[in-house]
Amino acid sequence: MDANGEGTIYRHCYSTPDIEAAYNELVAKEVQPENENGKPLARDNLNSPSGARILWLPKRFGNFSIELLEEKELETFLADAFA
């Protein structure tokens, strides 16, 4: 990484109790959810490669990334990580 921060990724992760409802709300507001590679994400394809139900908001500010993870997936991850 150079002094200008090239290659830096800033990521925020939030949880939602219902990922499909969140998807529908975003689309209703004309925001197209994306996958981990920045490609448009279809509602029936909300599972990430790891199996977690997740979506990303389009990047609007450089490499700043916001993802929404289904709440039960986050709880499972935390329970496993700190068991």
N, C-alpha and C. Protein backbone atom coordinates (compact mmCIF):
# COMPACT_ATOMS: atom_id res chain seq x y z
N MET A 1 0.85 -1.17 0.00
CA MET A 1 0.00 0.00 0.00
C MET A 1 0.90 1.23 0.00
N ASP A 2 0.52 2.24 -0.80
CA ASP A 2 1.34 3.44 -0.84
C ASP A 2 0.80 4.51 0.12
N ALA A 3 1.48 5.63 0.19
CA ALA A 3 1.13 6.69 1.14
C ALA A 3 -0.24 7.31 0.85
N ASN A 4 -0.75 7.15 -0.36
CA ASN A 4 -2.06 7.71 -0.71
C ASN A 4 -3.20 6.78 -0.36
N GLY A 5 -2.91 5.62 0.21
CA GLY A 5 -3.97 4.70 0.62
C GLY A 5 -4.47 3.82 -0.50
N GLU A 6 -3.78 3.78 -1.63
CA GLU A 6 -4.21 2.91 -2.72
C GLU A 6 -4.30 1.48 -2.22
N GLY A 7 -5.39 0.82 -2.53
CA GLY A 7 -5.58 -0.56 -2.12
C GLY A 7 -6.30 -0.70 -0.79
N THR A 8 -6.58 0.41 -0.13
CA THR A 8 -7.28 0.36 1.15
C THR A 8 -8.77 0.15 0.91
N ILE A 9 -9.37 -0.76 1.67
CA ILE A 9 -10.80 -0.98 1.60
C ILE A 9 -11.39 -0.65 2.97
N TYR A 10 -12.39 0.18 2.98
CA TYR A 10 -13.10 0.51 4.20
C TYR A 10 -14.43 -0.22 4.17
N ARG A 11 -14.71 -1.03 5.17
CA ARG A 11 -15.90 -1.86 5.16
C ARG A 11 -16.69 -1.69 6.45
N HIS A 12 -17.99 -1.50 6.30
CA HIS A 12 -18.92 -1.48 7.42
C HIS A 12 -19.90 -2.62 7.19
N CYS A 13 -20.20 -3.35 8.25
CA CYS A 13 -21.13 -4.46 8.16
C CYS A 13 -22.27 -4.21 9.14
N TYR A 14 -23.47 -4.34 8.66
CA TYR A 14 -24.67 -4.18 9.47
C TYR A 14 -25.50 -5.44 9.34
N SER A 15 -26.33 -5.69 10.35
CA SER A 15 -27.20 -6.86 10.28
C SER A 15 -28.65 -6.42 10.14
N THR A 16 -29.45 -7.31 9.59
CA THR A 16 -30.88 -7.09 9.43
C THR A 16 -31.60 -8.39 9.73
N PRO A 17 -32.76 -8.32 10.38
CA PRO A 17 -33.47 -9.56 10.70
C PRO A 17 -34.01 -10.28 9.46
N ASP A 18 -34.23 -9.54 8.37
CA ASP A 18 -34.81 -10.14 7.16
C ASP A 18 -34.12 -9.56 5.93
N ILE A 19 -33.17 -10.31 5.40
CA ILE A 19 -32.37 -9.84 4.26
C ILE A 19 -33.23 -9.63 3.01
N GLU A 20 -34.26 -10.45 2.83
CA GLU A 20 -35.13 -10.29 1.66
C GLU A 20 -35.95 -9.00 1.75
N ALA A 21 -36.44 -8.67 2.95
CA ALA A 21 -37.17 -7.41 3.14
C ALA A 21 -36.24 -6.22 2.88
N ALA A 22 -35.00 -6.31 3.36
CA ALA A 22 -34.02 -5.24 3.12
C ALA A 22 -33.76 -5.10 1.62
N TYR A 23 -33.62 -6.22 0.93
CA TYR A 23 -33.41 -6.20 -0.53
C TYR A 23 -34.57 -5.50 -1.21
N ASN A 24 -35.80 -5.90 -0.85
CA ASN A 24 -36.99 -5.30 -1.47
C ASN A 24 -37.07 -3.80 -1.21
N GLU A 25 -36.73 -3.39 -0.01
CA GLU A 25 -36.78 -1.97 0.33
C GLU A 25 -35.75 -1.18 -0.48
N LEU A 26 -34.56 -1.73 -0.63
CA LEU A 26 -33.54 -1.04 -1.43
C LEU A 26 -33.98 -0.89 -2.87
N VAL A 27 -34.49 -1.98 -3.46
CA VAL A 27 -34.93 -1.94 -4.85
C VAL A 27 -36.08 -0.95 -5.02
N ALA A 28 -37.00 -0.90 -4.05
CA ALA A 28 -38.12 0.05 -4.11
C ALA A 28 -37.62 1.50 -4.11
N LYS A 29 -36.44 1.72 -3.50
CA LYS A 29 -35.84 3.06 -3.47
C LYS A 29 -34.83 3.26 -4.60
N GLU A 30 -34.89 2.35 -5.59
CA GLU A 30 -34.05 2.40 -6.78
C GLU A 30 -32.56 2.28 -6.47
N VAL A 31 -32.23 1.46 -5.47
CA VAL A 31 -30.84 1.13 -5.14
C VAL A 31 -30.66 -0.34 -5.47
N GLN A 32 -29.78 -0.64 -6.40
CA GLN A 32 -29.55 -2.02 -6.81
C GLN A 32 -28.50 -2.68 -5.91
N PRO A 33 -28.91 -3.64 -5.06
CA PRO A 33 -27.93 -4.37 -4.26
C PRO A 33 -26.93 -5.09 -5.17
N GLU A 34 -25.73 -5.30 -4.62
CA GLU A 34 -24.65 -5.93 -5.39
C GLU A 34 -24.12 -7.15 -4.65
N ASN A 35 -23.34 -7.94 -5.37
CA ASN A 35 -22.64 -9.06 -4.73
C ASN A 35 -21.26 -8.58 -4.30
N GLU A 36 -20.45 -9.49 -3.77
CA GLU A 36 -19.13 -9.13 -3.26
C GLU A 36 -18.18 -8.60 -4.33
N ASN A 37 -18.53 -8.81 -5.60
CA ASN A 37 -17.70 -8.33 -6.71
C ASN A 37 -18.24 -7.07 -7.36
N GLY A 38 -19.28 -6.47 -6.76
CA GLY A 38 -19.83 -5.23 -7.30
C GLY A 38 -20.77 -5.44 -8.47
N LYS A 39 -21.25 -6.65 -8.68
CA LYS A 39 -22.18 -6.95 -9.77
C LYS A 39 -23.60 -6.94 -9.23
N PRO A 40 -24.59 -6.54 -10.06
CA PRO A 40 -25.97 -6.55 -9.60
C PRO A 40 -26.37 -7.91 -9.02
N LEU A 41 -27.09 -7.87 -7.92
CA LEU A 41 -27.46 -9.08 -7.20
C LEU A 41 -28.96 -9.32 -7.34
N ALA A 42 -29.34 -10.51 -7.79
CA ALA A 42 -30.74 -10.89 -7.90
C ALA A 42 -31.26 -11.31 -6.53
N ARG A 43 -32.52 -11.07 -6.28
CA ARG A 43 -33.14 -11.39 -4.98
C ARG A 43 -33.00 -12.87 -4.65
N ASP A 44 -33.07 -13.73 -5.64
CA ASP A 44 -32.98 -15.17 -5.38
C ASP A 44 -31.55 -15.68 -5.26
N ASN A 45 -30.59 -14.76 -5.21
CA ASN A 45 -29.18 -15.15 -5.12
C ASN A 45 -28.49 -14.41 -3.98
N LEU A 46 -29.13 -14.40 -2.80
CA LEU A 46 -28.60 -13.65 -1.65
C LEU A 46 -27.57 -14.42 -0.84
N ASN A 47 -27.29 -15.66 -1.19
CA ASN A 47 -26.28 -16.43 -0.46
C ASN A 47 -24.90 -16.10 -0.99
N SER A 48 -23.98 -15.79 -0.08
CA SER A 48 -22.59 -15.53 -0.46
C SER A 48 -21.90 -16.87 -0.70
N PRO A 49 -20.66 -16.85 -1.21
CA PRO A 49 -19.92 -18.10 -1.39
C PRO A 49 -19.77 -18.91 -0.10
N SER A 50 -19.78 -18.22 1.05
CA SER A 50 -19.67 -18.93 2.33
C SER A 50 -21.01 -19.50 2.80
N GLY A 51 -22.08 -19.15 2.10
CA GLY A 51 -23.40 -19.62 2.48
C GLY A 51 -24.21 -18.61 3.27
N ALA A 52 -23.57 -17.55 3.75
CA ALA A 52 -24.28 -16.51 4.51
C ALA A 52 -25.16 -15.70 3.57
N ARG A 53 -26.32 -15.27 4.06
CA ARG A 53 -27.22 -14.43 3.27
C ARG A 53 -26.79 -12.98 3.48
N ILE A 54 -26.32 -12.37 2.39
CA ILE A 54 -25.66 -11.08 2.49
C ILE A 54 -25.84 -10.29 1.20
N LEU A 55 -25.81 -8.97 1.31
CA LEU A 55 -25.80 -8.12 0.13
C LEU A 55 -24.94 -6.90 0.42
N TRP A 56 -24.50 -6.25 -0.62
CA TRP A 56 -23.68 -5.05 -0.52
C TRP A 56 -24.40 -3.90 -1.17
N LEU A 57 -24.23 -2.71 -0.60
CA LEU A 57 -24.74 -1.50 -1.23
C LEU A 57 -23.74 -1.05 -2.28
N PRO A 58 -24.21 -0.39 -3.33
CA PRO A 58 -23.27 0.11 -4.34
C PRO A 58 -22.26 1.06 -3.71
N LYS A 59 -21.01 0.97 -4.14
CA LYS A 59 -19.97 1.86 -3.63
C LYS A 59 -20.16 3.24 -4.25
N ARG A 60 -20.29 4.23 -3.39
CA ARG A 60 -20.47 5.60 -3.85
C ARG A 60 -19.26 6.48 -3.58
N PHE A 61 -18.41 6.03 -2.65
CA PHE A 61 -17.28 6.84 -2.22
C PHE A 61 -16.01 6.00 -2.26
N GLY A 62 -15.39 5.92 -3.40
CA GLY A 62 -14.15 5.16 -3.53
C GLY A 62 -14.33 3.70 -3.16
N ASN A 63 -13.53 3.22 -2.23
CA ASN A 63 -13.57 1.81 -1.83
C ASN A 63 -14.37 1.57 -0.56
N PHE A 64 -15.20 2.54 -0.15
CA PHE A 64 -16.00 2.38 1.05
C PHE A 64 -17.11 1.37 0.77
N SER A 65 -17.15 0.30 1.54
CA SER A 65 -18.08 -0.80 1.33
C SER A 65 -19.02 -0.95 2.51
N ILE A 66 -20.32 -1.07 2.20
CA ILE A 66 -21.33 -1.33 3.23
C ILE A 66 -22.03 -2.63 2.86
N GLU A 67 -22.04 -3.56 3.81
CA GLU A 67 -22.72 -4.82 3.57
C GLU A 67 -23.80 -5.04 4.61
N LEU A 68 -24.85 -5.73 4.18
CA LEU A 68 -25.93 -6.12 5.08
C LEU A 68 -25.90 -7.64 5.17
N LEU A 69 -25.85 -8.11 6.38
CA LEU A 69 -25.78 -9.54 6.66
C LEU A 69 -27.02 -9.94 7.44
N GLU A 70 -27.60 -11.06 7.10
CA GLU A 70 -28.77 -11.51 7.84
C GLU A 70 -28.39 -11.74 9.30
N GLU A 71 -29.20 -11.24 10.21
CA GLU A 71 -28.90 -11.21 11.65
C GLU A 71 -28.49 -12.58 12.20
N LYS A 72 -29.21 -13.63 11.84
CA LYS A 72 -28.89 -14.95 12.39
C LYS A 72 -27.52 -15.43 11.92
N GLU A 73 -27.10 -15.02 10.72
CA GLU A 73 -25.77 -15.38 10.22
C GLU A 73 -24.69 -14.71 11.05
N LEU A 74 -24.89 -13.44 11.39
CA LEU A 74 -23.92 -12.71 12.20
C LEU A 74 -23.85 -13.31 13.61
N GLU A 75 -25.00 -13.64 14.19
CA GLU A 75 -25.02 -14.24 15.52
C GLU A 75 -24.28 -15.58 15.53
N THR A 76 -24.47 -16.39 14.49
CA THR A 76 -23.78 -17.67 14.38
C THR A 76 -22.28 -17.46 14.27
N PHE A 77 -21.87 -16.51 13.44
CA PHE A 77 -20.45 -16.21 13.27
C PHE A 77 -19.83 -15.80 14.60
N LEU A 78 -20.48 -14.89 15.31
CA LEU A 78 -19.94 -14.41 16.59
C LEU A 78 -19.88 -15.53 17.63
N ALA A 79 -20.91 -16.36 17.68
CA ALA A 79 -20.91 -17.48 18.63
C ALA A 79 -19.75 -18.44 18.34
N ASP A 80 -19.53 -18.72 17.05
CA ASP A 80 -18.42 -19.62 16.67
C ASP A 80 -17.06 -18.98 16.94
N ALA A 81 -16.95 -17.68 16.66
CA ALA A 81 -15.66 -16.99 16.81
C ALA A 81 -15.24 -16.86 18.26
N PHE A 82 -16.21 -16.71 19.17
CA PHE A 82 -15.88 -16.46 20.56
C PHE A 82 -16.28 -17.61 21.49
N ALA A 83 -16.47 -18.79 20.92
CA ALA A 83 -16.85 -19.96 21.73
C ALA A 83 -15.66 -20.50 22.49
